[in-house]
Amino acid sequence: MNMFDEARAIRAMMEMCAMTQDGMAKKLGVSQSYVANKLRLLKLPCEFEKRIVEGGLSERHARALLRLDDPEARRTALDRICERRLNVAEAEALVDMLHDGQAPKRIGKATKLSRIDTFIDTVKQSLKTLSSLGIDAKESISYYGSKTYITISIDEA
């Protein structure tokens, strides 16, 4: 049983027995915050659940994603977490960066990710400038292991 199945089982039991989170916590012998955190996981779409489970991510990875309100930001974060195989601290730092626009200083890799993302944004902005001048320029970004590959194609015709 994965974390999402457990959350669904808790919710179903609460509904069946008309219990509050506190009542369910006492019944299970856990804290109310444990129950609340499990139930929060159900706010993620099913496609996220599948990727989280298949990617071997933890419940803390999933809860970090919930801090992002924007579905596209969540998808971006999940993509980066999976592609770069981020641990929980790195995933939380990435979410902080996407949420607040700044990476926390406490984690070195988060600072690196922030700088890489800033560079990628600069490249994209430069390509937009070229496009506005009538020059067909595109970028593609891929990840392999801990490396980020950026390919830029410019049509000179």
N, C-alpha and C. Protein backbone atom coordinates (compact mmCIF):
# COMPACT_ATOMS: atom_id res chain seq x y z
N MET A 1 0.85 -1.17 0.00
CA MET A 1 0.00 0.00 0.00
C MET A 1 0.90 1.23 0.00
N ASN A 2 0.70 2.10 -0.99
CA ASN A 2 1.51 3.33 -1.03
C ASN A 2 0.83 4.44 -0.22
N MET A 3 1.50 5.58 -0.15
CA MET A 3 1.02 6.70 0.68
C MET A 3 -0.35 7.19 0.25
N PHE A 4 -0.63 7.14 -1.05
CA PHE A 4 -1.92 7.62 -1.56
C PHE A 4 -3.04 6.63 -1.24
N ASP A 5 -2.73 5.34 -1.35
CA ASP A 5 -3.71 4.31 -0.97
C ASP A 5 -4.04 4.43 0.51
N GLU A 6 -3.02 4.67 1.32
CA GLU A 6 -3.23 4.83 2.76
C GLU A 6 -4.12 6.05 3.04
N ALA A 7 -3.86 7.13 2.32
CA ALA A 7 -4.66 8.35 2.51
C ALA A 7 -6.12 8.10 2.11
N ARG A 8 -6.33 7.39 1.01
CA ARG A 8 -7.69 7.08 0.58
C ARG A 8 -8.40 6.18 1.59
N ALA A 9 -7.65 5.24 2.16
CA ALA A 9 -8.23 4.34 3.17
C ALA A 9 -8.63 5.13 4.43
N ILE A 10 -7.80 6.06 4.84
CA ILE A 10 -8.11 6.90 6.01
C ILE A 10 -9.36 7.74 5.72
N ARG A 11 -9.40 8.35 4.54
CA ARG A 11 -10.56 9.18 4.19
C ARG A 11 -11.84 8.35 4.16
N ALA A 12 -11.77 7.17 3.56
CA ALA A 12 -12.95 6.30 3.47
C ALA A 12 -13.42 5.89 4.86
N MET A 13 -12.48 5.56 5.72
CA MET A 13 -12.85 5.15 7.08
C MET A 13 -13.47 6.31 7.85
N MET A 14 -12.92 7.50 7.65
CA MET A 14 -13.48 8.69 8.31
C MET A 14 -14.91 8.94 7.85
N GLU A 15 -15.13 8.81 6.54
CA GLU A 15 -16.48 9.04 5.99
C GLU A 15 -17.46 7.97 6.47
N MET A 16 -17.00 6.72 6.47
CA MET A 16 -17.85 5.61 6.88
C MET A 16 -18.28 5.72 8.35
N CYS A 17 -17.34 6.13 9.17
CA CYS A 17 -17.60 6.20 10.61
C CYS A 17 -17.95 7.61 11.07
N ALA A 18 -18.08 8.54 10.13
CA ALA A 18 -18.37 9.94 10.45
C ALA A 18 -17.43 10.47 11.53
N MET A 19 -16.14 10.27 11.31
CA MET A 19 -15.12 10.69 12.28
C MET A 19 -14.42 11.96 11.83
N THR A 20 -13.93 12.70 12.82
CA THR A 20 -13.09 13.85 12.55
C THR A 20 -11.65 13.35 12.40
N GLN A 21 -10.78 14.25 11.98
CA GLN A 21 -9.35 13.90 11.90
C GLN A 21 -8.83 13.51 13.27
N ASP A 22 -9.25 14.24 14.29
CA ASP A 22 -8.81 13.95 15.65
C ASP A 22 -9.28 12.57 16.10
N GLY A 23 -10.55 12.26 15.82
CA GLY A 23 -11.10 10.95 16.17
C GLY A 23 -10.38 9.83 15.44
N MET A 24 -10.08 10.04 14.16
CA MET A 24 -9.37 9.04 13.38
C MET A 24 -7.96 8.85 13.92
N ALA A 25 -7.33 9.95 14.29
CA ALA A 25 -5.97 9.87 14.84
C ALA A 25 -5.96 9.02 16.11
N LYS A 26 -6.94 9.25 16.98
CA LYS A 26 -7.01 8.46 18.22
C LYS A 26 -7.25 7.00 17.91
N LYS A 27 -8.12 6.73 16.95
CA LYS A 27 -8.44 5.35 16.55
C LYS A 27 -7.20 4.63 16.01
N LEU A 28 -6.37 5.37 15.25
CA LEU A 28 -5.17 4.78 14.65
C LEU A 28 -3.95 4.84 15.57
N GLY A 29 -4.06 5.62 16.63
CA GLY A 29 -2.92 5.77 17.54
C GLY A 29 -1.82 6.64 16.97
N VAL A 30 -2.23 7.64 16.20
CA VAL A 30 -1.28 8.59 15.60
C VAL A 30 -1.74 10.01 15.94
N SER A 31 -0.93 10.99 15.54
CA SER A 31 -1.31 12.38 15.80
C SER A 31 -2.31 12.88 14.76
N GLN A 32 -3.02 13.93 15.12
CA GLN A 32 -3.98 14.54 14.19
C GLN A 32 -3.24 15.09 12.97
N SER A 33 -2.02 15.63 13.17
CA SER A 33 -1.27 16.17 12.04
C SER A 33 -0.86 15.07 11.07
N TYR A 34 -0.63 13.87 11.58
CA TYR A 34 -0.32 12.72 10.71
C TYR A 34 -1.50 12.46 9.78
N VAL A 35 -2.70 12.44 10.32
CA VAL A 35 -3.91 12.22 9.52
C VAL A 35 -4.09 13.37 8.53
N ALA A 36 -3.92 14.59 8.99
CA ALA A 36 -4.09 15.76 8.11
C ALA A 36 -3.09 15.72 6.96
N ASN A 37 -1.84 15.38 7.25
CA ASN A 37 -0.82 15.31 6.21
C ASN A 37 -1.13 14.21 5.20
N LYS A 38 -1.64 13.09 5.66
CA LYS A 38 -2.02 12.01 4.73
C LYS A 38 -3.14 12.50 3.82
N LEU A 39 -4.15 13.13 4.39
CA LEU A 39 -5.29 13.58 3.60
C LEU A 39 -4.90 14.67 2.59
N ARG A 40 -3.95 15.49 2.95
CA ARG A 40 -3.48 16.55 2.03
C ARG A 40 -2.93 15.97 0.74
N LEU A 41 -2.36 14.77 0.81
CA LEU A 41 -1.79 14.14 -0.38
C LEU A 41 -2.84 13.94 -1.47
N LEU A 42 -4.08 13.81 -1.07
CA LEU A 42 -5.16 13.55 -2.03
C LEU A 42 -5.51 14.78 -2.86
N LYS A 43 -4.89 15.91 -2.57
CA LYS A 43 -5.10 17.12 -3.36
C LYS A 43 -4.30 17.08 -4.67
N LEU A 44 -3.34 16.15 -4.75
CA LEU A 44 -2.56 16.02 -5.97
C LEU A 44 -3.35 15.23 -7.01
N PRO A 45 -3.23 15.60 -8.29
CA PRO A 45 -3.93 14.86 -9.34
C PRO A 45 -3.40 13.42 -9.45
N CYS A 46 -4.23 12.54 -9.99
CA CYS A 46 -3.86 11.12 -10.13
C CYS A 46 -2.58 10.93 -10.94
N GLU A 47 -2.38 11.75 -11.98
CA GLU A 47 -1.17 11.62 -12.79
C GLU A 47 0.08 11.91 -11.96
N PHE A 48 -0.03 12.84 -11.00
CA PHE A 48 1.09 13.12 -10.11
C PHE A 48 1.35 11.94 -9.19
N GLU A 49 0.25 11.37 -8.66
CA GLU A 49 0.38 10.21 -7.78
C GLU A 49 1.18 9.12 -8.46
N LYS A 50 0.82 8.84 -9.70
CA LYS A 50 1.48 7.77 -10.45
C LYS A 50 2.98 8.07 -10.61
N ARG A 51 3.32 9.29 -11.00
CA ARG A 51 4.73 9.65 -11.20
C ARG A 51 5.50 9.62 -9.89
N ILE A 52 4.87 10.05 -8.82
CA ILE A 52 5.53 10.06 -7.51
C ILE A 52 5.84 8.64 -7.07
N VAL A 53 4.86 7.76 -7.20
CA VAL A 53 5.05 6.37 -6.79
C VAL A 53 6.07 5.68 -7.70
N GLU A 54 5.91 5.82 -9.02
CA GLU A 54 6.83 5.19 -9.95
C GLU A 54 8.24 5.74 -9.83
N GLY A 55 8.35 7.01 -9.49
CA GLY A 55 9.66 7.65 -9.34
C GLY A 55 10.34 7.35 -8.01
N GLY A 56 9.64 6.62 -7.13
CA GLY A 56 10.23 6.29 -5.84
C GLY A 56 10.37 7.48 -4.91
N LEU A 57 9.53 8.50 -5.12
CA LEU A 57 9.60 9.69 -4.27
C LEU A 57 8.88 9.43 -2.96
N SER A 58 9.26 10.20 -1.97
CA SER A 58 8.70 10.02 -0.63
C SER A 58 7.47 10.91 -0.42
N GLU A 59 6.82 10.68 0.69
CA GLU A 59 5.67 11.50 1.07
C GLU A 59 6.10 12.96 1.25
N ARG A 60 7.29 13.17 1.76
CA ARG A 60 7.77 14.55 1.93
C ARG A 60 7.98 15.24 0.58
N HIS A 61 8.42 14.51 -0.43
CA HIS A 61 8.50 15.07 -1.78
C HIS A 61 7.10 15.54 -2.22
N ALA A 62 6.12 14.66 -2.02
CA ALA A 62 4.75 14.96 -2.44
C ALA A 62 4.20 16.18 -1.70
N ARG A 63 4.43 16.22 -0.39
CA ARG A 63 3.91 17.36 0.39
C ARG A 63 4.60 18.66 -0.01
N ALA A 64 5.86 18.59 -0.40
CA ALA A 64 6.56 19.81 -0.86
C ALA A 64 5.85 20.38 -2.09
N LEU A 65 5.43 19.50 -2.99
CA LEU A 65 4.72 19.95 -4.20
C LEU A 65 3.42 20.68 -3.87
N LEU A 66 2.78 20.28 -2.79
CA LEU A 66 1.50 20.90 -2.41
C LEU A 66 1.64 22.36 -2.02
N ARG A 67 2.86 22.80 -1.73
CA ARG A 67 3.07 24.21 -1.37
C ARG A 67 2.93 25.12 -2.58
N LEU A 68 2.97 24.55 -3.78
CA LEU A 68 2.80 25.34 -5.00
C LEU A 68 1.33 25.33 -5.39
N ASP A 69 0.73 26.51 -5.51
CA ASP A 69 -0.68 26.61 -5.86
C ASP A 69 -0.92 26.44 -7.36
N ASP A 70 0.03 26.91 -8.15
CA ASP A 70 -0.11 26.87 -9.61
C ASP A 70 0.15 25.46 -10.14
N PRO A 71 -0.83 24.86 -10.84
CA PRO A 71 -0.65 23.50 -11.36
C PRO A 71 0.57 23.36 -12.29
N GLU A 72 0.84 24.40 -13.09
CA GLU A 72 1.98 24.33 -14.00
C GLU A 72 3.30 24.38 -13.22
N ALA A 73 3.35 25.16 -12.16
CA ALA A 73 4.55 25.20 -11.31
C ALA A 73 4.76 23.85 -10.64
N ARG A 74 3.66 23.22 -10.21
CA ARG A 74 3.76 21.88 -9.62
C ARG A 74 4.32 20.88 -10.63
N ARG A 75 3.82 20.95 -11.85
CA ARG A 75 4.28 20.03 -12.89
C ARG A 75 5.76 20.25 -13.18
N THR A 76 6.16 21.51 -13.26
CA THR A 76 7.57 21.84 -13.49
C THR A 76 8.43 21.29 -12.37
N ALA A 77 7.98 21.51 -11.14
CA ALA A 77 8.74 21.02 -9.98
C ALA A 77 8.85 19.50 -10.01
N LEU A 78 7.74 18.82 -10.26
CA LEU A 78 7.77 17.35 -10.30
C LEU A 78 8.69 16.85 -11.40
N ASP A 79 8.64 17.50 -12.57
CA ASP A 79 9.54 17.12 -13.67
C ASP A 79 11.00 17.23 -13.24
N ARG A 80 11.34 18.36 -12.64
CA ARG A 80 12.74 18.58 -12.24
C ARG A 80 13.16 17.63 -11.12
N ILE A 81 12.26 17.39 -10.18
CA ILE A 81 12.58 16.47 -9.08
C ILE A 81 12.87 15.08 -9.63
N CYS A 82 12.04 14.63 -10.55
CA CYS A 82 12.22 13.29 -11.13
C CYS A 82 13.45 13.23 -12.04
N GLU A 83 13.60 14.23 -12.93
CA GLU A 83 14.71 14.22 -13.88
C GLU A 83 16.06 14.32 -13.19
N ARG A 84 16.12 15.14 -12.16
CA ARG A 84 17.40 15.38 -11.48
C ARG A 84 17.58 14.49 -10.25
N ARG A 85 16.57 13.67 -9.96
CA ARG A 85 16.60 12.75 -8.82
C ARG A 85 16.97 13.48 -7.52
N LEU A 86 16.21 14.54 -7.25
CA LEU A 86 16.47 15.38 -6.08
C LEU A 86 16.05 14.68 -4.80
N ASN A 87 16.85 14.85 -3.75
CA ASN A 87 16.44 14.34 -2.44
C ASN A 87 15.41 15.32 -1.87
N VAL A 88 14.89 15.03 -0.69
CA VAL A 88 13.82 15.85 -0.12
C VAL A 88 14.27 17.29 0.11
N ALA A 89 15.44 17.48 0.68
CA ALA A 89 15.92 18.84 0.96
C ALA A 89 16.08 19.63 -0.34
N GLU A 90 16.60 19.00 -1.37
CA GLU A 90 16.77 19.67 -2.65
C GLU A 90 15.41 19.96 -3.29
N ALA A 91 14.48 19.03 -3.16
CA ALA A 91 13.13 19.24 -3.71
C ALA A 91 12.45 20.40 -2.99
N GLU A 92 12.58 20.46 -1.68
CA GLU A 92 11.99 21.56 -0.92
C GLU A 92 12.63 22.88 -1.32
N ALA A 93 13.93 22.87 -1.56
CA ALA A 93 14.62 24.09 -1.99
C ALA A 93 14.12 24.53 -3.36
N LEU A 94 13.92 23.57 -4.25
CA LEU A 94 13.39 23.89 -5.58
C LEU A 94 11.99 24.50 -5.46
N VAL A 95 11.16 23.92 -4.62
CA VAL A 95 9.81 24.45 -4.41
C VAL A 95 9.89 25.87 -3.83
N ASP A 96 10.81 26.08 -2.88
CA ASP A 96 11.01 27.42 -2.33
C ASP A 96 11.35 28.40 -3.44
N MET A 97 12.25 27.97 -4.32
CA MET A 97 12.69 28.84 -5.41
C MET A 97 11.52 29.15 -6.35
N LEU A 98 10.73 28.15 -6.70
CA LEU A 98 9.59 28.38 -7.59
C LEU A 98 8.50 29.19 -6.91
N HIS A 99 8.35 29.00 -5.61
CA HIS A 99 7.31 29.71 -4.86
C HIS A 99 7.71 31.14 -4.55
N ASP A 100 8.95 31.31 -4.07
CA ASP A 100 9.40 32.62 -3.62
C ASP A 100 10.32 33.33 -4.61
N GLY A 101 10.81 32.58 -5.60
CA GLY A 101 11.72 33.20 -6.56
C GLY A 101 13.17 33.21 -6.13
N GLN A 102 13.47 32.66 -4.95
CA GLN A 102 14.85 32.62 -4.49
C GLN A 102 15.14 31.30 -3.82
N ALA A 103 16.30 30.77 -4.09
CA ALA A 103 16.72 29.53 -3.45
C ALA A 103 17.28 29.85 -2.07
N PRO A 104 16.98 29.03 -1.08
CA PRO A 104 17.55 29.26 0.24
C PRO A 104 19.06 29.06 0.23
N LYS A 105 19.75 29.77 1.06
CA LYS A 105 21.21 29.71 1.10
C LYS A 105 21.72 28.45 1.76
N ARG A 106 20.87 27.75 2.50
CA ARG A 106 21.34 26.61 3.29
C ARG A 106 21.69 25.38 2.47
N ILE A 107 21.28 25.33 1.22
CA ILE A 107 21.53 24.14 0.42
C ILE A 107 22.29 24.52 -0.84
N GLY A 108 23.50 24.01 -0.96
CA GLY A 108 24.36 24.33 -2.09
C GLY A 108 23.77 23.97 -3.44
N LYS A 109 23.18 22.80 -3.55
CA LYS A 109 22.64 22.36 -4.84
C LYS A 109 21.48 23.26 -5.27
N ALA A 110 20.71 23.74 -4.32
CA ALA A 110 19.59 24.62 -4.66
C ALA A 110 20.10 25.92 -5.27
N THR A 111 21.20 26.42 -4.74
CA THR A 111 21.80 27.64 -5.30
C THR A 111 22.26 27.38 -6.73
N LYS A 112 22.87 26.22 -6.94
CA LYS A 112 23.30 25.87 -8.30
C LYS A 112 22.10 25.78 -9.23
N LEU A 113 21.03 25.11 -8.77
CA LEU A 113 19.83 24.99 -9.59
C LEU A 113 19.26 26.37 -9.93
N SER A 114 19.29 27.26 -8.96
CA SER A 114 18.79 28.61 -9.17
C SER A 114 19.59 29.31 -10.26
N ARG A 115 20.90 29.16 -10.20
CA ARG A 115 21.76 29.81 -11.20
C ARG A 115 21.55 29.19 -12.58
N ILE A 116 21.41 27.87 -12.64
CA ILE A 116 21.15 27.21 -13.92
C ILE A 116 19.82 27.70 -14.48
N ASP A 117 18.79 27.75 -13.64
CA ASP A 117 17.48 28.22 -14.09
C ASP A 117 17.54 29.67 -14.56
N THR A 118 18.31 30.50 -13.88
CA THR A 118 18.47 31.89 -14.29
C THR A 118 19.14 31.96 -15.66
N PHE A 119 20.17 31.13 -15.86
CA PHE A 119 20.86 31.09 -17.14
C PHE A 119 19.90 30.65 -18.24
N ILE A 120 19.14 29.59 -17.99
CA ILE A 120 18.18 29.09 -18.98
C ILE A 120 17.16 30.17 -19.32
N ASP A 121 16.67 30.88 -18.31
CA ASP A 121 15.72 31.98 -18.55
C ASP A 121 16.35 33.07 -19.42
N THR A 122 17.64 33.35 -19.18
CA THR A 122 18.36 34.36 -19.97
C THR A 122 18.47 33.91 -21.42
N VAL A 123 18.79 32.64 -21.64
CA VAL A 123 18.87 32.09 -23.00
C VAL A 123 17.51 32.23 -23.68
N LYS A 124 16.44 31.84 -22.98
CA LYS A 124 15.10 31.92 -23.57
C LYS A 124 14.74 33.36 -23.93
N GLN A 125 15.09 34.30 -23.06
CA GLN A 125 14.80 35.70 -23.33
C GLN A 125 15.59 36.19 -24.54
N SER A 126 16.84 35.76 -24.65
CA SER A 126 17.67 36.13 -25.80
C SER A 126 17.07 35.60 -27.09
N LEU A 127 16.56 34.38 -27.04
CA LEU A 127 15.95 33.78 -28.24
C LEU A 127 14.65 34.51 -28.61
N LYS A 128 13.91 34.98 -27.62
CA LYS A 128 12.71 35.78 -27.89
C LYS A 128 13.10 37.08 -28.61
N THR A 129 14.21 37.67 -28.17
CA THR A 129 14.69 38.90 -28.79
C THR A 129 15.05 38.64 -30.25
N LEU A 130 15.74 37.51 -30.51
CA LEU A 130 16.08 37.16 -31.88
C LEU A 130 14.81 36.96 -32.71
N SER A 131 13.83 36.28 -32.14
CA SER A 131 12.57 36.04 -32.85
C SER A 131 11.87 37.36 -33.19
N SER A 132 11.94 38.32 -32.28
CA SER A 132 11.31 39.62 -32.54
C SER A 132 12.00 40.36 -33.67
N LEU A 133 13.25 39.97 -33.97
CA LEU A 133 13.99 40.57 -35.08
C LEU A 133 13.80 39.77 -36.37
N GLY A 134 12.94 38.75 -36.32
CA GLY A 134 12.67 37.96 -37.51
C GLY A 134 13.62 36.80 -37.71
N ILE A 135 14.38 36.47 -36.71
CA ILE A 135 15.32 35.35 -36.79
C ILE A 135 14.70 34.16 -36.08
N ASP A 136 14.61 33.04 -36.80
CA ASP A 136 14.02 31.83 -36.23
C ASP A 136 15.06 31.15 -35.34
N ALA A 137 14.84 31.20 -34.04
CA ALA A 137 15.77 30.61 -33.08
C ALA A 137 14.98 29.83 -32.04
N LYS A 138 15.45 28.62 -31.75
CA LYS A 138 14.76 27.76 -30.78
C LYS A 138 15.77 27.10 -29.87
N GLU A 139 15.26 26.69 -28.70
CA GLU A 139 16.10 25.95 -27.76
C GLU A 139 15.40 24.68 -27.37
N SER A 140 16.19 23.67 -27.02
CA SER A 140 15.61 22.48 -26.41
C SER A 140 16.49 22.14 -25.21
N ILE A 141 15.82 21.71 -24.15
CA ILE A 141 16.52 21.41 -22.91
C ILE A 141 16.25 19.96 -22.56
N SER A 142 17.31 19.25 -22.21
CA SER A 142 17.16 17.87 -21.78
C SER A 142 18.07 17.63 -20.58
N TYR A 143 17.74 16.60 -19.84
CA TYR A 143 18.49 16.26 -18.64
C TYR A 143 18.95 14.82 -18.73
N TYR A 144 20.17 14.60 -18.36
CA TYR A 144 20.70 13.24 -18.31
C TYR A 144 21.58 13.16 -17.07
N GLY A 145 21.15 12.33 -16.12
CA GLY A 145 21.89 12.25 -14.86
C GLY A 145 21.86 13.61 -14.18
N SER A 146 23.03 14.09 -13.82
CA SER A 146 23.11 15.39 -13.14
C SER A 146 23.43 16.52 -14.11
N LYS A 147 23.34 16.25 -15.41
CA LYS A 147 23.70 17.25 -16.42
C LYS A 147 22.47 17.81 -17.11
N THR A 148 22.54 19.08 -17.43
CA THR A 148 21.51 19.76 -18.20
C THR A 148 22.11 20.10 -19.55
N TYR A 149 21.41 19.71 -20.62
CA TYR A 149 21.88 20.00 -21.97
C TYR A 149 20.94 21.00 -22.63
N ILE A 150 21.53 22.06 -23.17
CA ILE A 150 20.76 23.08 -23.88
C ILE A 150 21.24 23.09 -25.32
N THR A 151 20.31 22.90 -26.23
CA THR A 151 20.64 22.95 -27.67
C THR A 151 19.93 24.16 -28.25
N ILE A 152 20.68 24.98 -28.95
CA ILE A 152 20.12 26.17 -29.59
C ILE A 152 20.23 26.00 -31.10
N SER A 153 19.13 26.20 -31.79
CA SER A 153 19.17 26.14 -33.26
C SER A 153 18.71 27.50 -33.79
N ILE A 154 19.49 28.00 -34.74
CA ILE A 154 19.19 29.30 -35.35
C ILE A 154 19.14 29.09 -36.85
N ASP A 155 18.00 29.46 -37.44
CA ASP A 155 17.83 29.35 -38.88
C ASP A 155 18.32 30.66 -39.49
N GLU A 156 19.41 30.59 -40.23
CA GLU A 156 20.01 31.81 -40.80
C GLU A 156 19.36 32.25 -42.10
N ALA A 157 18.42 31.47 -42.61
CA ALA A 157 17.80 31.81 -43.91
C ALA A 157 16.88 32.99 -43.79
